[in-house]
Amino acid sequence: RFAIREGGRTVAAGVVAKVIE
């Protein structure tokens, strides 16, 4: 789960944006 903080941040941002929409 630490790797998510390194590069998963961009992917998470995209997923969150879709949920917000």
N, C-alpha and C. Protein backbone atom coordinates (compact mmCIF):
# COMPACT_ATOMS: atom_id res chain seq x y z
N ARG A 1 0.86 -1.21 0.00
CA ARG A 1 0.00 0.00 0.00
C ARG A 1 0.89 1.26 0.00
N PHE A 2 2.18 1.13 0.28
CA PHE A 2 3.05 2.34 0.27
C PHE A 2 3.29 2.80 -1.16
N ALA A 3 3.34 1.84 -2.09
CA ALA A 3 3.60 2.19 -3.50
C ALA A 3 2.47 3.10 -4.02
N ILE A 4 1.28 2.93 -3.47
CA ILE A 4 0.15 3.76 -3.92
C ILE A 4 0.49 5.24 -3.72
N ARG A 5 1.22 5.54 -2.64
CA ARG A 5 1.55 6.96 -2.34
C ARG A 5 2.57 7.46 -3.36
N GLU A 6 3.37 6.56 -3.92
CA GLU A 6 4.44 7.01 -4.85
C GLU A 6 3.88 7.34 -6.24
N GLY A 7 3.27 6.37 -6.92
CA GLY A 7 2.80 6.64 -8.29
C GLY A 7 1.29 6.45 -8.41
N GLY A 8 0.69 5.77 -7.44
CA GLY A 8 -0.76 5.55 -7.51
C GLY A 8 -1.55 6.84 -7.32
N ARG A 9 -0.84 7.89 -6.93
CA ARG A 9 -1.55 9.17 -6.68
C ARG A 9 -2.25 9.64 -7.96
N THR A 10 -1.58 9.56 -9.07
CA THR A 10 -2.21 10.03 -10.34
C THR A 10 -3.41 9.15 -10.67
N VAL A 11 -3.24 7.85 -10.54
CA VAL A 11 -4.36 6.94 -10.86
C VAL A 11 -5.54 7.21 -9.92
N ALA A 12 -5.25 7.38 -8.65
CA ALA A 12 -6.32 7.63 -7.68
C ALA A 12 -7.05 8.93 -8.04
N ALA A 13 -6.33 9.93 -8.45
CA ALA A 13 -6.96 11.22 -8.80
C ALA A 13 -7.96 11.00 -9.93
N GLY A 14 -7.58 10.17 -10.91
CA GLY A 14 -8.48 9.92 -12.06
C GLY A 14 -9.73 9.17 -11.58
N VAL A 15 -9.53 8.20 -10.74
CA VAL A 15 -10.68 7.42 -10.26
C VAL A 15 -11.59 8.31 -9.43
N VAL A 16 -11.02 9.11 -8.58
CA VAL A 16 -11.84 9.99 -7.73
C VAL A 16 -12.63 10.97 -8.60
N ALA A 17 -11.98 11.49 -9.64
CA ALA A 17 -12.66 12.45 -10.53
C ALA A 17 -13.89 11.78 -11.15
N LYS A 18 -13.74 10.53 -11.53
CA LYS A 18 -14.89 9.82 -12.16
C LYS A 18 -16.01 9.66 -11.13
N VAL A 19 -15.65 9.36 -9.90
CA VAL A 19 -16.68 9.18 -8.87
C VAL A 19 -17.40 10.50 -8.60
N ILE A 20 -16.64 11.58 -8.55
CA ILE A 20 -17.24 12.89 -8.27
C ILE A 20 -18.22 13.24 -9.39
N GLU A 21 -17.83 12.90 -10.62
CA GLU A 21 -18.70 13.23 -11.75
C GLU A 21 -19.97 12.40 -11.63
